[in-house]
PDB file of N, CA and C in Angstrom:
ATOM      1  N   UNK A   1       1.159  -0.811  -0.032  1.00  0.00           N
ATOM      2  CA  UNK A   1       0.357  -0.157  -0.272  1.00  0.00           C
ATOM      3  C   UNK A   1       1.051   1.410   0.164  1.00  0.00           C
ATOM      4  N   UNK A   2       0.204   2.490  -0.087  1.00  0.00           N
ATOM      5  CA  UNK A   2       1.140   3.222  -0.577  1.00  0.00           C
ATOM      6  C   UNK A   2       0.867   4.289  -0.064  1.00  0.00           C
ATOM      7  N   UNK A   3       0.967   4.068   1.417  1.00  0.00           N
ATOM      8  CA  UNK A   3       0.270   5.408   2.915  1.00  0.00           C
ATOM      9  C   UNK A   3       0.879   6.284   2.455  1.00  0.00           C
ATOM     10  N   UNK A   4       1.805   7.262   2.112  1.00  0.00           N
ATOM     11  CA  UNK A   4       2.018   8.305   1.724  1.00  0.00           C
ATOM     12  C   UNK A   4       0.754   8.811   0.625  1.00  0.00           C
ATOM     13  N   UNK A   5       0.060   7.629  -0.254  1.00  0.00           N
ATOM     14  CA  UNK A   5      -1.164   9.001  -0.886  1.00  0.00           C
ATOM     15  C   UNK A   5      -2.007   8.282   0.281  1.00  0.00           C
ATOM     16  N   UNK A   6      -2.553   7.054   0.940  1.00  0.00           N
ATOM     17  CA  UNK A   6      -3.290   6.677   1.790  1.00  0.00           C
ATOM     18  C   UNK A   6      -4.063   8.401   2.474  1.00  0.00           C
ATOM     19  N   UNK A   7      -2.571   8.933   3.365  1.00  0.00           N
ATOM     20  CA  UNK A   7      -2.994   9.834   4.150  1.00  0.00           C
ATOM     21  C   UNK A   7      -3.382  10.702   3.580  1.00  0.00           C
ATOM     22  N   UNK A   8      -2.817  11.085   2.451  1.00  0.00           N
ATOM     23  CA  UNK A   8      -3.634  12.684   1.486  1.00  0.00           C
ATOM     24  C   UNK A   8      -5.038  12.479   1.266  1.00  0.00           C
ATOM     25  N   UNK A   9      -4.979  11.288   1.335  1.00  0.00           N
ATOM     26  CA  UNK A   9      -6.622  10.760   1.021  1.00  0.00           C
ATOM     27  C   UNK A   9      -7.019  10.958   1.818  1.00  0.00           C
ATOM     28  N   UNK A  10      -7.292  10.427   2.707  1.00  0.00           N
ATOM     29  CA  UNK A  10      -7.578  10.464   4.644  1.00  0.00           C
ATOM     30  C   UNK A  10      -7.505  11.956   4.839  1.00  0.00           C
ATOM     31  N   UNK A  11      -6.595  12.485   4.701  1.00  0.00           N
ATOM     32  CA  UNK A  11      -6.964  13.965   4.729  1.00  0.00           C
ATOM     33  C   UNK A  11      -8.017  14.716   3.845  1.00  0.00           C
ATOM     34  N   UNK A  12      -7.979  14.190   2.872  1.00  0.00           N
ATOM     35  CA  UNK A  12      -8.740  14.370   1.665  1.00  0.00           C
ATOM     36  C   UNK A  12     -10.350  14.371   2.083  1.00  0.00           C
ATOM     37  N   UNK A  13     -10.913  13.541   3.243  1.00  0.00           N
ATOM     38  CA  UNK A  13     -11.973  12.804   3.145  1.00  0.00           C
ATOM     39  C   UNK A  13     -12.118  11.930   1.819  1.00  0.00           C
ATOM     40  N   UNK A  14     -11.612  10.980   0.835  1.00  0.00           N
ATOM     41  CA  UNK A  14     -11.295  10.063  -0.306  1.00  0.00           C
ATOM     42  C   UNK A  14     -11.741   9.187   0.756  1.00  0.00           C
ATOM     43  N   UNK A  15     -10.606   8.968   2.359  1.00  0.00           N
ATOM     44  CA  UNK A  15     -11.381   7.677   1.832  1.00  0.00           C
ATOM     45  C   UNK A  15     -11.106   8.025   3.484  1.00  0.00           C
ATOM     46  N   UNK A  16     -12.010   6.363   3.867  1.00  0.00           N
ATOM     47  CA  UNK A  16     -12.202   6.297   6.107  1.00  0.00           C
ATOM     48  C   UNK A  16     -11.577   6.406   6.333  1.00  0.00           C
ATOM     49  N   UNK A  17     -10.415   5.920   6.542  1.00  0.00           N
ATOM     50  CA  UNK A  17      -9.500   4.805   7.213  1.00  0.00           C
ATOM     51  C   UNK A  17      -8.406   4.547   6.826  1.00  0.00           C
ATOM     52  N   UNK A  18      -7.354   4.112   7.474  1.00  0.00           N
ATOM     53  CA  UNK A  18      -6.653   3.502   7.617  1.00  0.00           C
ATOM     54  C   UNK A  18      -6.437   2.654   8.474  1.00  0.00           C
ATOM     55  N   UNK A  19      -6.245   1.330   8.258  1.00  0.00           N
ATOM     56  CA  UNK A  19      -5.631  -0.218   9.007  1.00  0.00           C
ATOM     57  C   UNK A  19      -4.484  -0.242   9.004  1.00  0.00           C
ATOM     58  N   UNK A  20      -3.887  -0.448   9.894  1.00  0.00           N
ATOM     59  CA  UNK A  20      -2.008  -0.767  10.087  1.00  0.00           C
ATOM     60  C   UNK A  20      -2.021  -1.478  11.519  1.00  0.00           C
ATOM     61  N   UNK A  21      -0.801  -2.673  10.273  1.00  0.00           N
ATOM     62  CA  UNK A  21      -1.135  -3.657  12.006  1.00  0.00           C
ATOM     63  C   UNK A  21       0.448  -3.795  12.347  1.00  0.00           C
ATOM     64  N   UNK A  22       0.778  -4.403  12.488  1.00  0.00           N
ATOM     65  CA  UNK A  22       2.461  -4.633  13.345  1.00  0.00           C
ATOM     66  C   UNK A  22       3.240  -5.088  12.531  1.00  0.00           C
ATOM     67  N   UNK A  23       2.727  -5.717  11.568  1.00  0.00           N
ATOM     68  CA  UNK A  23       3.614  -6.160  10.065  1.00  0.00           C
ATOM     69  C   UNK A  23       3.746  -5.381   9.404  1.00  0.00           C
ATOM     70  N   UNK A  24       2.619  -3.847   9.242  1.00  0.00           N
ATOM     71  CA  UNK A  24       3.051  -3.068   8.284  1.00  0.00           C
ATOM     72  C   UNK A  24       3.318  -1.985   9.023  1.00  0.00           C
ATOM     73  N   UNK A  25       3.554  -1.742  10.177  1.00  0.00           N
ATOM     74  CA  UNK A  25       3.663  -0.425  10.481  1.00  0.00           C
ATOM     75  C   UNK A  25       4.655   0.229  10.230  1.00  0.00           C
ATOM     76  N   UNK A  26       6.456  -0.346  10.058  1.00  0.00           N
ATOM     77  CA  UNK A  26       7.208   0.637   9.684  1.00  0.00           C
ATOM     78  C   UNK A  26       7.393   0.898   8.144  1.00  0.00           C
ATOM     79  N   UNK A  27       5.971   0.352   7.972  1.00  0.00           N
ATOM     80  CA  UNK A  27       6.503   0.768   6.263  1.00  0.00           C
ATOM     81  C   UNK A  27       5.354   2.002   6.676  1.00  0.00           C
ATOM     82  N   UNK A  28       4.777   2.370   7.521  1.00  0.00           N
ATOM     83  CA  UNK A  28       3.395   3.372   7.980  1.00  0.00           C
ATOM     84  C   UNK A  28       3.931   4.651   7.972  1.00  0.00           C
ATOM     85  N   UNK A  29       5.643   4.060   8.866  1.00  0.00           N
ATOM     86  CA  UNK A  29       5.927   5.228  10.189  1.00  0.00           C
ATOM     87  C   UNK A  29       6.975   5.727   8.694  1.00  0.00           C
ATOM     88  N   UNK A  30       7.468   5.495   7.598  1.00  0.00           N
ATOM     89  CA  UNK A  30       8.098   5.831   6.988  1.00  0.00           C
ATOM     90  C   UNK A  30       7.278   6.936   6.317  1.00  0.00           C
ATOM     91  N   UNK A  31       5.822   7.146   5.744  1.00  0.00           N
ATOM     92  CA  UNK A  31       4.578   7.381   4.910  1.00  0.00           C
ATOM     93  C   UNK A  31       4.662   8.830   6.312  1.00  0.00           C
ATOM     94  N   UNK A  32       4.574   8.565   7.377  1.00  0.00           N
ATOM     95  CA  UNK A  32       3.739   9.227   8.041  1.00  0.00           C
ATOM     96  C   UNK A  32       4.760  10.568   8.950  1.00  0.00           C
ATOM     97  N   UNK A  33       5.940  10.398   8.617  1.00  0.00           N
ATOM     98  CA  UNK A  33       7.160  10.731   9.290  1.00  0.00           C
ATOM     99  C   UNK A  33       7.248  11.858   8.680  1.00  0.00           C
ATOM    100  N   UNK A  34       7.084  11.673   7.352  1.00  0.00           N
ATOM    101  CA  UNK A  34       7.185  12.751   5.999  1.00  0.00           C
ATOM    102  C   UNK A  34       5.953  13.524   5.873  1.00  0.00           C
ATOM    103  N   UNK A  35       4.738  13.018   6.867  1.00  0.00           N
ATOM    104  CA  UNK A  35       3.098  13.573   6.319  1.00  0.00           C
ATOM    105  C   UNK A  35       3.741  15.147   6.926  1.00  0.00           C
ATOM    106  N   UNK A  36       3.509  16.012   5.993  1.00  0.00           N
ATOM    107  CA  UNK A  36       3.375  17.598   7.186  1.00  0.00           C
ATOM    108  C   UNK A  36       2.143  17.785   7.941  1.00  0.00           C
ATOM    109  N   UNK A  37       0.827  17.025   7.053  1.00  0.00           N
ATOM    110  CA  UNK A  37      -0.510  17.451   7.955  1.00  0.00           C
ATOM    111  C   UNK A  37      -0.915  16.361   9.591  1.00  0.00           C
ATOM    112  N   UNK A  38       0.035  16.155  10.210  1.00  0.00           N
ATOM    113  CA  UNK A  38      -0.217  15.149  10.890  1.00  0.00           C
ATOM    114  C   UNK A  38      -1.177  15.188  11.787  1.00  0.00           C
ATOM    115  N   UNK A  39      -1.342  17.403  12.158  1.00  0.00           N
ATOM    116  CA  UNK A  39      -2.539  17.794  12.961  1.00  0.00           C
ATOM    117  C   UNK A  39      -3.426  17.318  12.065  1.00  0.00           C
ATOM    118  N   UNK A  40      -3.844  16.686  10.910  1.00  0.00           N
ATOM    119  CA  UNK A  40      -4.952  16.313  10.327  1.00  0.00           C
ATOM    120  C   UNK A  40      -5.841  14.699  10.327  1.00  0.00           C
ATOM    121  N   UNK A  41      -4.964  14.352  11.244  1.00  0.00           N
ATOM    122  CA  UNK A  41      -5.306  12.324  11.463  1.00  0.00           C
ATOM    123  C   UNK A  41      -5.270  12.121  12.610  1.00  0.00           C
ATOM    124  N   UNK A  42      -5.467  11.714  12.872  1.00  0.00           N
ATOM    125  CA  UNK A  42      -5.344  10.764  14.918  1.00  0.00           C
ATOM    126  C   UNK A  42      -5.207   9.610  14.489  1.00  0.00           C
ATOM    127  N   UNK A  43      -4.790   8.933  15.261  1.00  0.00           N
ATOM    128  CA  UNK A  43      -4.612   7.279  15.388  1.00  0.00           C
ATOM    129  C   UNK A  43      -5.669   6.276  16.715  1.00  0.00           C
ATOM    130  N   UNK A  44      -6.309   5.227  16.643  1.00  0.00           N
ATOM    131  CA  UNK A  44      -7.076   4.935  17.597  1.00  0.00           C
ATOM    132  C   UNK A  44      -6.566   2.890  17.614  1.00  0.00           C
ATOM    133  N   UNK A  45      -6.081   3.216  19.132  1.00  0.00           N
ATOM    134  CA  UNK A  45      -5.202   2.052  19.298  1.00  0.00           C
ATOM    135  C   UNK A  45      -6.308   1.166  19.391  1.00  0.00           C
ATOM    136  N   UNK A  46      -5.843  -0.560  18.914  1.00  0.00           N
ATOM    137  CA  UNK A  46      -6.675  -1.411  19.537  1.00  0.00           C
ATOM    138  C   UNK A  46      -6.317  -2.629  19.429  1.00  0.00           C
ATOM    139  N   UNK A  47      -6.529  -3.389  20.076  1.00  0.00           N
ATOM    140  CA  UNK A  47      -5.688  -5.032  20.934  1.00  0.00           C
ATOM    141  C   UNK A  47      -4.782  -5.370  19.741  1.00  0.00           C
ATOM    142  N   UNK A  48      -3.294  -6.113  19.872  1.00  0.00           N
ATOM    143  CA  UNK A  48      -2.802  -6.670  19.408  1.00  0.00           C
ATOM    144  C   UNK A  48      -1.950  -5.855  18.376  1.00  0.00           C
ATOM    145  N   UNK A  49      -1.807  -4.730  19.139  1.00  0.00           N
ATOM    146  CA  UNK A  49      -1.044  -3.885  17.785  1.00  0.00           C
ATOM    147  C   UNK A  49      -1.772  -3.449  16.754  1.00  0.00           C
ATOM    148  N   UNK A  50      -2.698  -3.603  16.768  1.00  0.00           N
ATOM    149  CA  UNK A  50      -3.346  -2.561  14.930  1.00  0.00           C
ATOM    150  C   UNK A  50      -3.816  -1.439  15.577  1.00  0.00           C
ATOM    151  N   UNK A  51      -3.632   0.029  14.425  1.00  0.00           N
ATOM    152  CA  UNK A  51      -4.442   0.965  15.083  1.00  0.00           C
ATOM    153  C   UNK A  51      -4.870   1.519  13.563  1.00  0.00           C
ATOM    154  N   UNK A  52      -6.148   2.454  14.176  1.00  0.00           N
ATOM    155  CA  UNK A  52      -7.344   2.449  12.371  1.00  0.00           C
ATOM    156  C   UNK A  52      -7.021   4.819  12.694  1.00  0.00           C
ATOM    157  N   UNK A  53      -5.982   4.422  12.172  1.00  0.00           N
ATOM    158  CA  UNK A  53      -6.409   6.202  11.720  1.00  0.00           C
ATOM    159  C   UNK A  53      -7.583   7.123  10.464  1.00  0.00           C
ATOM    160  N   UNK A  54      -8.345   7.914  10.949  1.00  0.00           N
ATOM    161  CA  UNK A  54      -8.894   8.744  10.999  1.00  0.00           C
ATOM    162  C   UNK A  54      -8.987   9.994  11.184  1.00  0.00           C
ATOM    163  N   UNK A  55      -9.562  10.439  10.439  1.00  0.00           N
ATOM    164  CA  UNK A  55      -9.196  12.375   9.933  1.00  0.00           C
ATOM    165  C   UNK A  55     -10.193  12.836  11.715  1.00  0.00           C
ATOM    166  N   UNK A  56      -8.908  13.825  11.612  1.00  0.00           N
ATOM    167  CA  UNK A  56      -9.240  14.427  12.924  1.00  0.00           C
ATOM    168  C   UNK A  56     -10.699  15.384  12.654  1.00  0.00           C
ATOM    169  N   UNK A  57     -11.375  16.529  14.086  1.00  0.00           N
ATOM    170  CA  UNK A  57     -12.123  16.692  13.526  1.00  0.00           C
ATOM    171  C   UNK A  57     -12.481  18.268  14.130  1.00  0.00           C
TER     172      UNK A  57
END
């Protein structure tokens, strides 16, 4: 998955959420660290290291 594009799509309302698992976290982290709009997205932690990222309201 292209997490950089997914983060932009999430910010723009084109998608509702991004689901990240422990296996995909390192790929997501690279995109997240370069994402300039981090304050527009929030993460919701779940069990077993899963995180759902949604738009902040």
